Amino acid sequence: MLNIKIKIPVLAINGSLDFQVPAKDNLAAIKNSLTRAKNKNFETYEFEGMNHLFQECKTGAFSEYSEIEQTISPKVLDKMSAWILKK
């Protein structure tokens, strides 16, 4: 078991349709680790309908990547900037 002592603010985000990093497992593990480290300054957030690249998508499949024109969802940028501005 790792002895994690991260005390800085953390925003951990995932897309619900991410096939590379399963959102629920990843965010739960991050939350668990930061809680054990007694870090009270963190947030985890799962973006519904987004892939590994934080693009709005239908399936999250790799084959879909080339069909999506969006670089990154404005919803993700809004969340990140709002979170940073609160700190």
PDB file of N, CA and C in Angstrom:
ATOM      1  N   MET A   1       0.838  -1.181   0.000  1.00  0.00           N
ATOM      2  CA  MET A   1       0.000   0.000   0.000  1.00  0.00           C
ATOM      3  C   MET A   1       0.882   1.242   0.000  1.00  0.00           C
ATOM      4  N   LEU A   2       0.505   2.197  -0.812  1.00  0.00           N
ATOM      5  CA  LEU A   2       1.251   3.444  -0.892  1.00  0.00           C
ATOM      6  C   LEU A   2       0.933   4.327   0.296  1.00  0.00           C
ATOM      7  N   ASN A   3       1.920   5.067   0.736  1.00  0.00           N
ATOM      8  CA  ASN A   3       1.738   6.042   1.804  1.00  0.00           C
ATOM      9  C   ASN A   3       1.674   7.411   1.152  1.00  0.00           C
ATOM     10  N   ILE A   4       0.486   7.834   0.770  1.00  0.00           N
ATOM     11  CA  ILE A   4       0.301   9.085   0.043  1.00  0.00           C
ATOM     12  C   ILE A   4       0.044  10.219   1.032  1.00  0.00           C
ATOM     13  N   LYS A   5       0.756  11.332   0.812  1.00  0.00           N
ATOM     14  CA  LYS A   5       0.620  12.473   1.716  1.00  0.00           C
ATOM     15  C   LYS A   5       0.375  13.764   0.944  1.00  0.00           C
ATOM     16  N   ILE A   6      -0.442  13.702  -0.069  1.00  0.00           N
ATOM     17  CA  ILE A   6      -0.722  14.875  -0.889  1.00  0.00           C
ATOM     18  C   ILE A   6      -1.651  15.809  -0.132  1.00  0.00           C
ATOM     19  N   LYS A   7      -1.202  17.036   0.078  1.00  0.00           N
ATOM     20  CA  LYS A   7      -1.992  18.005   0.830  1.00  0.00           C
ATOM     21  C   LYS A   7      -2.420  19.202  -0.020  1.00  0.00           C
ATOM     22  N   ILE A   8      -2.000  19.238  -1.268  1.00  0.00           N
ATOM     23  CA  ILE A   8      -2.357  20.351  -2.139  1.00  0.00           C
ATOM     24  C   ILE A   8      -3.777  20.158  -2.675  1.00  0.00           C
ATOM     25  N   PRO A   9      -4.418  21.229  -3.154  1.00  0.00           N
ATOM     26  CA  PRO A   9      -5.743  21.073  -3.756  1.00  0.00           C
ATOM     27  C   PRO A   9      -5.686  20.149  -4.969  1.00  0.00           C
ATOM     28  N   VAL A  10      -6.700  19.296  -5.104  1.00  0.00           N
ATOM     29  CA  VAL A  10      -6.748  18.325  -6.196  1.00  0.00           C
ATOM     30  C   VAL A  10      -8.141  18.334  -6.818  1.00  0.00           C
ATOM     31  N   LEU A  11      -8.182  18.453  -8.142  1.00  0.00           N
ATOM     32  CA  LEU A  11      -9.407  18.243  -8.897  1.00  0.00           C
ATOM     33  C   LEU A  11      -9.146  17.030  -9.782  1.00  0.00           C
ATOM     34  N   ALA A  12      -9.821  15.924  -9.500  1.00  0.00           N
ATOM     35  CA  ALA A  12      -9.667  14.692 -10.280  1.00  0.00           C
ATOM     36  C   ALA A  12     -10.921  14.507 -11.119  1.00  0.00           C
ATOM     37  N   ILE A  13     -10.743  14.416 -12.428  1.00  0.00           N
ATOM     38  CA  ILE A  13     -11.888  14.310 -13.330  1.00  0.00           C
ATOM     39  C   ILE A  13     -11.711  13.137 -14.288  1.00  0.00           C
ATOM     40  N   ASN A  14     -12.825  12.570 -14.681  1.00  0.00           N
ATOM     41  CA  ASN A  14     -12.863  11.490 -15.664  1.00  0.00           C
ATOM     42  C   ASN A  14     -14.126  11.637 -16.495  1.00  0.00           C
ATOM     43  N   GLY A  15     -14.097  11.044 -17.680  1.00  0.00           N
ATOM     44  CA  GLY A  15     -15.289  10.944 -18.510  1.00  0.00           C
ATOM     45  C   GLY A  15     -15.972   9.610 -18.253  1.00  0.00           C
ATOM     46  N   SER A  16     -17.276   9.599 -18.221  1.00  0.00           N
ATOM     47  CA  SER A  16     -18.016   8.363 -17.919  1.00  0.00           C
ATOM     48  C   SER A  16     -17.840   7.296 -19.001  1.00  0.00           C
ATOM     49  N   LEU A  17     -17.501   7.698 -20.225  1.00  0.00           N
ATOM     50  CA  LEU A  17     -17.329   6.754 -21.324  1.00  0.00           C
ATOM     51  C   LEU A  17     -15.852   6.536 -21.668  1.00  0.00           C
ATOM     52  N   ASP A  18     -14.985   6.744 -20.703  1.00  0.00           N
ATOM     53  CA  ASP A  18     -13.544   6.551 -20.881  1.00  0.00           C
ATOM     54  C   ASP A  18     -13.229   5.066 -20.783  1.00  0.00           C
ATOM     55  N   PHE A  19     -12.738   4.476 -21.876  1.00  0.00           N
ATOM     56  CA  PHE A  19     -12.367   3.061 -21.876  1.00  0.00           C
ATOM     57  C   PHE A  19     -10.944   2.842 -21.370  1.00  0.00           C
ATOM     58  N   GLN A  20     -10.129   3.881 -21.356  1.00  0.00           N
ATOM     59  CA  GLN A  20      -8.733   3.742 -20.944  1.00  0.00           C
ATOM     60  C   GLN A  20      -8.572   3.811 -19.424  1.00  0.00           C
ATOM     61  N   VAL A  21      -9.352   4.676 -18.798  1.00  0.00           N
ATOM     62  CA  VAL A  21      -9.317   4.823 -17.345  1.00  0.00           C
ATOM     63  C   VAL A  21     -10.761   4.797 -16.849  1.00  0.00           C
ATOM     64  N   PRO A  22     -11.223   3.659 -16.343  1.00  0.00           N
ATOM     65  CA  PRO A  22     -12.611   3.562 -15.876  1.00  0.00           C
ATOM     66  C   PRO A  22     -12.902   4.591 -14.772  1.00  0.00           C
ATOM     67  N   ALA A  23     -13.839   5.474 -15.053  1.00  0.00           N
ATOM     68  CA  ALA A  23     -14.101   6.620 -14.189  1.00  0.00           C
ATOM     69  C   ALA A  23     -14.442   6.245 -12.749  1.00  0.00           C
ATOM     70  N   LYS A  24     -15.403   5.385 -12.565  1.00  0.00           N
ATOM     71  CA  LYS A  24     -15.853   5.084 -11.197  1.00  0.00           C
ATOM     72  C   LYS A  24     -14.727   4.500 -10.340  1.00  0.00           C
ATOM     73  N   ASP A  25     -14.005   3.544 -10.886  1.00  0.00           N
ATOM     74  CA  ASP A  25     -12.901   2.933 -10.135  1.00  0.00           C
ATOM     75  C   ASP A  25     -11.783   3.931  -9.864  1.00  0.00           C
ATOM     76  N   ASN A  26     -11.424   4.701 -10.882  1.00  0.00           N
ATOM     77  CA  ASN A  26     -10.332   5.653 -10.749  1.00  0.00           C
ATOM     78  C   ASN A  26     -10.662   6.743  -9.729  1.00  0.00           C
ATOM     79  N   LEU A  27     -11.833   7.336  -9.855  1.00  0.00           N
ATOM     80  CA  LEU A  27     -12.207   8.415  -8.943  1.00  0.00           C
ATOM     81  C   LEU A  27     -12.385   7.911  -7.515  1.00  0.00           C
ATOM     82  N   ALA A  28     -12.902   6.710  -7.365  1.00  0.00           N
ATOM     83  CA  ALA A  28     -13.042   6.132  -6.021  1.00  0.00           C
ATOM     84  C   ALA A  28     -11.668   5.910  -5.386  1.00  0.00           C
ATOM     85  N   ALA A  29     -10.718   5.420  -6.168  1.00  0.00           N
ATOM     86  CA  ALA A  29      -9.367   5.186  -5.646  1.00  0.00           C
ATOM     87  C   ALA A  29      -8.689   6.499  -5.270  1.00  0.00           C
ATOM     88  N   ILE A  30      -8.860   7.515  -6.086  1.00  0.00           N
ATOM     89  CA  ILE A  30      -8.275   8.831  -5.781  1.00  0.00           C
ATOM     90  C   ILE A  30      -8.903   9.395  -4.512  1.00  0.00           C
ATOM     91  N   LYS A  31     -10.221   9.318  -4.419  1.00  0.00           N
ATOM     92  CA  LYS A  31     -10.919   9.823  -3.223  1.00  0.00           C
ATOM     93  C   LYS A  31     -10.446   9.080  -1.976  1.00  0.00           C
ATOM     94  N   ASN A  32     -10.337   7.783  -2.069  1.00  0.00           N
ATOM     95  CA  ASN A  32      -9.887   6.974  -0.947  1.00  0.00           C
ATOM     96  C   ASN A  32      -8.463   7.361  -0.518  1.00  0.00           C
ATOM     97  N   SER A  33      -7.580   7.509  -1.475  1.00  0.00           N
ATOM     98  CA  SER A  33      -6.185   7.858  -1.176  1.00  0.00           C
ATOM     99  C   SER A  33      -6.072   9.241  -0.539  1.00  0.00           C
ATOM    100  N   LEU A  34      -6.787  10.204  -1.091  1.00  0.00           N
ATOM    101  CA  LEU A  34      -6.714  11.560  -0.549  1.00  0.00           C
ATOM    102  C   LEU A  34      -7.371  11.647   0.831  1.00  0.00           C
ATOM    103  N   THR A  35      -8.418  10.894   1.045  1.00  0.00           N
ATOM    104  CA  THR A  35      -9.056  10.853   2.357  1.00  0.00           C
ATOM    105  C   THR A  35      -8.107  10.246   3.392  1.00  0.00           C
ATOM    106  N   ARG A  36      -7.459   9.139   3.025  1.00  0.00           N
ATOM    107  CA  ARG A  36      -6.470   8.527   3.931  1.00  0.00           C
ATOM    108  C   ARG A  36      -5.315   9.473   4.236  1.00  0.00           C
ATOM    109  N   ALA A  37      -4.970  10.318   3.266  1.00  0.00           N
ATOM    110  CA  ALA A  37      -3.893  11.284   3.459  1.00  0.00           C
ATOM    111  C   ALA A  37      -4.369  12.505   4.264  1.00  0.00           C
ATOM    112  N   LYS A  38      -5.648  12.489   4.633  1.00  0.00           N
ATOM    113  CA  LYS A  38      -6.262  13.594   5.385  1.00  0.00           C
ATOM    114  C   LYS A  38      -6.269  14.911   4.602  1.00  0.00           C
ATOM    115  N   ASN A  39      -6.338  14.783   3.294  1.00  0.00           N
ATOM    116  CA  ASN A  39      -6.477  15.955   2.432  1.00  0.00           C
ATOM    117  C   ASN A  39      -7.959  16.274   2.344  1.00  0.00           C
ATOM    118  N   LYS A  40      -8.340  17.442   2.813  1.00  0.00           N
ATOM    119  CA  LYS A  40      -9.743  17.848   2.789  1.00  0.00           C
ATOM    120  C   LYS A  40     -10.031  18.798   1.629  1.00  0.00           C
ATOM    121  N   ASN A  41      -9.010  19.076   0.837  1.00  0.00           N
ATOM    122  CA  ASN A  41      -9.133  20.066  -0.228  1.00  0.00           C
ATOM    123  C   ASN A  41      -9.061  19.391  -1.599  1.00  0.00           C
ATOM    124  N   PHE A  42     -10.063  18.561  -1.877  1.00  0.00           N
ATOM    125  CA  PHE A  42     -10.100  17.880  -3.167  1.00  0.00           C
ATOM    126  C   PHE A  42     -11.535  17.701  -3.632  1.00  0.00           C
ATOM    127  N   GLU A  43     -11.660  17.488  -4.922  1.00  0.00           N
ATOM    128  CA  GLU A  43     -12.960  17.191  -5.518  1.00  0.00           C
ATOM    129  C   GLU A  43     -12.755  16.172  -6.630  1.00  0.00           C
ATOM    130  N   THR A  44     -13.643  15.210  -6.709  1.00  0.00           N
ATOM    131  CA  THR A  44     -13.657  14.283  -7.827  1.00  0.00           C
ATOM    132  C   THR A  44     -14.939  14.524  -8.610  1.00  0.00           C
ATOM    133  N   TYR A  45     -14.845  14.393  -9.921  1.00  0.00           N
ATOM    134  CA  TYR A  45     -16.009  14.689 -10.753  1.00  0.00           C
ATOM    135  C   TYR A  45     -15.997  13.813 -12.006  1.00  0.00           C
ATOM    136  N   GLU A  46     -17.133  13.213 -12.304  1.00  0.00           N
ATOM    137  CA  GLU A  46     -17.286  12.384 -13.494  1.00  0.00           C
ATOM    138  C   GLU A  46     -18.171  13.106 -14.507  1.00  0.00           C
ATOM    139  N   PHE A  47     -17.635  13.348 -15.681  1.00  0.00           N
ATOM    140  CA  PHE A  47     -18.383  13.998 -16.749  1.00  0.00           C
ATOM    141  C   PHE A  47     -19.157  12.954 -17.540  1.00  0.00           C
ATOM    142  N   GLU A  48     -20.463  13.047 -17.488  1.00  0.00           N
ATOM    143  CA  GLU A  48     -21.324  12.105 -18.207  1.00  0.00           C
ATOM    144  C   GLU A  48     -21.163  12.286 -19.717  1.00  0.00           C
ATOM    145  N   GLY A  49     -21.099  11.155 -20.421  1.00  0.00           N
ATOM    146  CA  GLY A  49     -21.075  11.175 -21.873  1.00  0.00           C
ATOM    147  C   GLY A  49     -19.794  11.684 -22.494  1.00  0.00           C
ATOM    148  N   MET A  50     -18.682  11.566 -21.765  1.00  0.00           N
ATOM    149  CA  MET A  50     -17.401  12.030 -22.304  1.00  0.00           C
ATOM    150  C   MET A  50     -16.376  10.909 -22.307  1.00  0.00           C
ATOM    151  N   ASN A  51     -15.475  10.994 -23.288  1.00  0.00           N
ATOM    152  CA  ASN A  51     -14.446   9.977 -23.443  1.00  0.00           C
ATOM    153  C   ASN A  51     -13.148  10.356 -22.703  1.00  0.00           C
ATOM    154  N   HIS A  52     -12.090   9.638 -22.975  1.00  0.00           N
ATOM    155  CA  HIS A  52     -10.791   9.851 -22.327  1.00  0.00           C
ATOM    156  C   HIS A  52     -10.221  11.243 -22.618  1.00  0.00           C
ATOM    157  N   LEU A  53     -10.593  11.808 -23.755  1.00  0.00           N
ATOM    158  CA  LEU A  53     -10.084  13.123 -24.164  1.00  0.00           C
ATOM    159  C   LEU A  53     -11.025  14.251 -23.744  1.00  0.00           C
ATOM    160  N   PHE A  54     -12.013  13.921 -22.916  1.00  0.00           N
ATOM    161  CA  PHE A  54     -13.027  14.882 -22.455  1.00  0.00           C
ATOM    162  C   PHE A  54     -13.777  15.510 -23.622  1.00  0.00           C
ATOM    163  N   GLN A  55     -14.100  14.667 -24.590  1.00  0.00           N
ATOM    164  CA  GLN A  55     -14.933  15.065 -25.717  1.00  0.00           C
ATOM    165  C   GLN A  55     -16.322  14.477 -25.506  1.00  0.00           C
ATOM    166  N   GLU A  56     -17.346  15.242 -25.841  1.00  0.00           N
ATOM    167  CA  GLU A  56     -18.702  14.715 -25.782  1.00  0.00           C
ATOM    168  C   GLU A  56     -18.837  13.662 -26.876  1.00  0.00           C
ATOM    169  N   CYS A  57     -19.340  12.485 -26.510  1.00  0.00           N
ATOM    170  CA  CYS A  57     -19.374  11.370 -27.461  1.00  0.00           C
ATOM    171  C   CYS A  57     -20.598  10.490 -27.211  1.00  0.00           C
ATOM    172  N   LYS A  58     -20.772   9.508 -28.089  1.00  0.00           N
ATOM    173  CA  LYS A  58     -21.899   8.586 -27.963  1.00  0.00           C
ATOM    174  C   LYS A  58     -21.499   7.291 -27.281  1.00  0.00           C
ATOM    175  N   THR A  59     -20.324   6.759 -27.638  1.00  0.00           N
ATOM    176  CA  THR A  59     -19.935   5.440 -27.127  1.00  0.00           C
ATOM    177  C   THR A  59     -18.638   5.437 -26.331  1.00  0.00           C
ATOM    178  N   GLY A  60     -17.729   6.350 -26.637  1.00  0.00           N
ATOM    179  CA  GLY A  60     -16.416   6.352 -26.010  1.00  0.00           C
ATOM    180  C   GLY A  60     -15.409   5.458 -26.713  1.00  0.00           C
ATOM    181  N   ALA A  61     -15.850   4.762 -27.753  1.00  0.00           N
ATOM    182  CA  ALA A  61     -14.976   3.842 -28.482  1.00  0.00           C
ATOM    183  C   ALA A  61     -13.843   4.600 -29.174  1.00  0.00           C
ATOM    184  N   PHE A  62     -12.701   3.942 -29.289  1.00  0.00           N
ATOM    185  CA  PHE A  62     -11.545   4.555 -29.946  1.00  0.00           C
ATOM    186  C   PHE A  62     -11.866   4.954 -31.384  1.00  0.00           C
ATOM    187  N   SER A  63     -12.658   4.160 -32.055  1.00  0.00           N
ATOM    188  CA  SER A  63     -13.005   4.442 -33.450  1.00  0.00           C
ATOM    189  C   SER A  63     -13.790   5.749 -33.588  1.00  0.00           C
ATOM    190  N   GLU A  64     -14.393   6.181 -32.520  1.00  0.00           N
ATOM    191  CA  GLU A  64     -15.188   7.407 -32.532  1.00  0.00           C
ATOM    192  C   GLU A  64     -14.317   8.666 -32.454  1.00  0.00           C
ATOM    193  N   TYR A  65     -13.100   8.536 -31.943  1.00  0.00           N
ATOM    194  CA  TYR A  65     -12.218   9.694 -31.748  1.00  0.00           C
ATOM    195  C   TYR A  65     -12.060  10.524 -33.021  1.00  0.00           C
ATOM    196  N   SER A  66     -11.806   9.858 -34.131  1.00  0.00           N
ATOM    197  CA  SER A  66     -11.545  10.578 -35.381  1.00  0.00           C
ATOM    198  C   SER A  66     -12.791  11.256 -35.954  1.00  0.00           C
ATOM    199  N   GLU A  67     -13.946  10.871 -35.467  1.00  0.00           N
ATOM    200  CA  GLU A  67     -15.198  11.452 -35.950  1.00  0.00           C
ATOM    201  C   GLU A  67     -15.618  12.693 -35.166  1.00  0.00           C
ATOM    202  N   ILE A  68     -14.987  12.924 -34.036  1.00  0.00           N
ATOM    203  CA  ILE A  68     -15.377  14.034 -33.155  1.00  0.00           C
ATOM    204  C   ILE A  68     -14.536  15.261 -33.477  1.00  0.00           C
ATOM    205  N   GLU A  69     -15.190  16.357 -33.777  1.00  0.00           N
ATOM    206  CA  GLU A  69     -14.476  17.590 -34.096  1.00  0.00           C
ATOM    207  C   GLU A  69     -14.069  18.372 -32.852  1.00  0.00           C
ATOM    208  N   GLN A  70     -14.766  18.167 -31.784  1.00  0.00           N
ATOM    209  CA  GLN A  70     -14.514  18.890 -30.541  1.00  0.00           C
ATOM    210  C   GLN A  70     -13.152  18.501 -29.959  1.00  0.00           C
ATOM    211  N   THR A  71     -12.346  19.493 -29.615  1.00  0.00           N
ATOM    212  CA  THR A  71     -11.042  19.218 -29.011  1.00  0.00           C
ATOM    213  C   THR A  71     -11.220  18.820 -27.548  1.00  0.00           C
ATOM    214  N   ILE A  72     -11.935  19.635 -26.805  1.00  0.00           N
ATOM    215  CA  ILE A  72     -12.272  19.358 -25.402  1.00  0.00           C
ATOM    216  C   ILE A  72     -13.599  20.057 -25.122  1.00  0.00           C
ATOM    217  N   SER A  73     -14.425  19.423 -24.337  1.00  0.00           N
ATOM    218  CA  SER A  73     -15.747  19.986 -24.058  1.00  0.00           C
ATOM    219  C   SER A  73     -15.639  21.288 -23.265  1.00  0.00           C
ATOM    220  N   PRO A  74     -16.406  22.292 -23.652  1.00  0.00           N
ATOM    221  CA  PRO A  74     -16.451  23.526 -22.868  1.00  0.00           C
ATOM    222  C   PRO A  74     -16.908  23.279 -21.425  1.00  0.00           C
ATOM    223  N   LYS A  75     -17.693  22.228 -21.203  1.00  0.00           N
ATOM    224  CA  LYS A  75     -18.134  21.898 -19.847  1.00  0.00           C
ATOM    225  C   LYS A  75     -16.935  21.570 -18.952  1.00  0.00           C
ATOM    226  N   VAL A  76     -15.953  20.889 -19.524  1.00  0.00           N
ATOM    227  CA  VAL A  76     -14.748  20.538 -18.772  1.00  0.00           C
ATOM    228  C   VAL A  76     -13.929  21.789 -18.483  1.00  0.00           C
ATOM    229  N   LEU A  77     -13.759  22.628 -19.484  1.00  0.00           N
ATOM    230  CA  LEU A  77     -13.009  23.870 -19.297  1.00  0.00           C
ATOM    231  C   LEU A  77     -13.684  24.769 -18.264  1.00  0.00           C
ATOM    232  N   ASP A  78     -15.017  24.826 -18.306  1.00  0.00           N
ATOM    233  CA  ASP A  78     -15.757  25.632 -17.320  1.00  0.00           C
ATOM    234  C   ASP A  78     -15.541  25.091 -15.907  1.00  0.00           C
ATOM    235  N   LYS A  79     -15.623  23.773 -15.752  1.00  0.00           N
ATOM    236  CA  LYS A  79     -15.432  23.148 -14.436  1.00  0.00           C
ATOM    237  C   LYS A  79     -14.027  23.424 -13.916  1.00  0.00           C
ATOM    238  N   MET A  80     -13.030  23.234 -14.774  1.00  0.00           N
ATOM    239  CA  MET A  80     -11.649  23.443 -14.360  1.00  0.00           C
ATOM    240  C   MET A  80     -11.393  24.903 -13.975  1.00  0.00           C
ATOM    241  N   SER A  81     -11.851  25.831 -14.795  1.00  0.00           N
ATOM    242  CA  SER A  81     -11.588  27.238 -14.499  1.00  0.00           C
ATOM    243  C   SER A  81     -12.342  27.696 -13.253  1.00  0.00           C
ATOM    244  N   ALA A  82     -13.576  27.259 -13.082  1.00  0.00           N
ATOM    245  CA  ALA A  82     -14.331  27.606 -11.861  1.00  0.00           C
ATOM    246  C   ALA A  82     -13.645  27.056 -10.626  1.00  0.00           C
ATOM    247  N   TRP A  83     -13.146  25.826 -10.719  1.00  0.00           N
ATOM    248  CA  TRP A  83     -12.469  25.198  -9.577  1.00  0.00           C
ATOM    249  C   TRP A  83     -11.188  25.960  -9.247  1.00  0.00           C
ATOM    250  N   ILE A  84     -10.411  26.310 -10.253  1.00  0.00           N
ATOM    251  CA  ILE A  84      -9.165  27.050 -10.028  1.00  0.00           C
ATOM    252  C   ILE A  84      -9.456  28.417  -9.409  1.00  0.00           C
ATOM    253  N   LEU A  85     -10.457  29.106  -9.911  1.00  0.00           N
ATOM    254  CA  LEU A  85     -10.780  30.432  -9.402  1.00  0.00           C
ATOM    255  C   LEU A  85     -11.264  30.410  -7.956  1.00  0.00           C
ATOM    256  N   LYS A  86     -11.819  29.275  -7.505  1.00  0.00           N
ATOM    257  CA  LYS A  86     -12.246  29.144  -6.099  1.00  0.00           C
ATOM    258  C   LYS A  86     -11.052  28.987  -5.158  1.00  0.00           C
ATOM    259  N   LYS A  87      -9.926  28.545  -5.683  1.00  0.00           N
ATOM    260  CA  LYS A  87      -8.759  28.246  -4.837  1.00  0.00           C
ATOM    261  C   LYS A  87      -7.949  29.457  -4.539  1.00  0.00           C
TER     262      LYS A  87
END
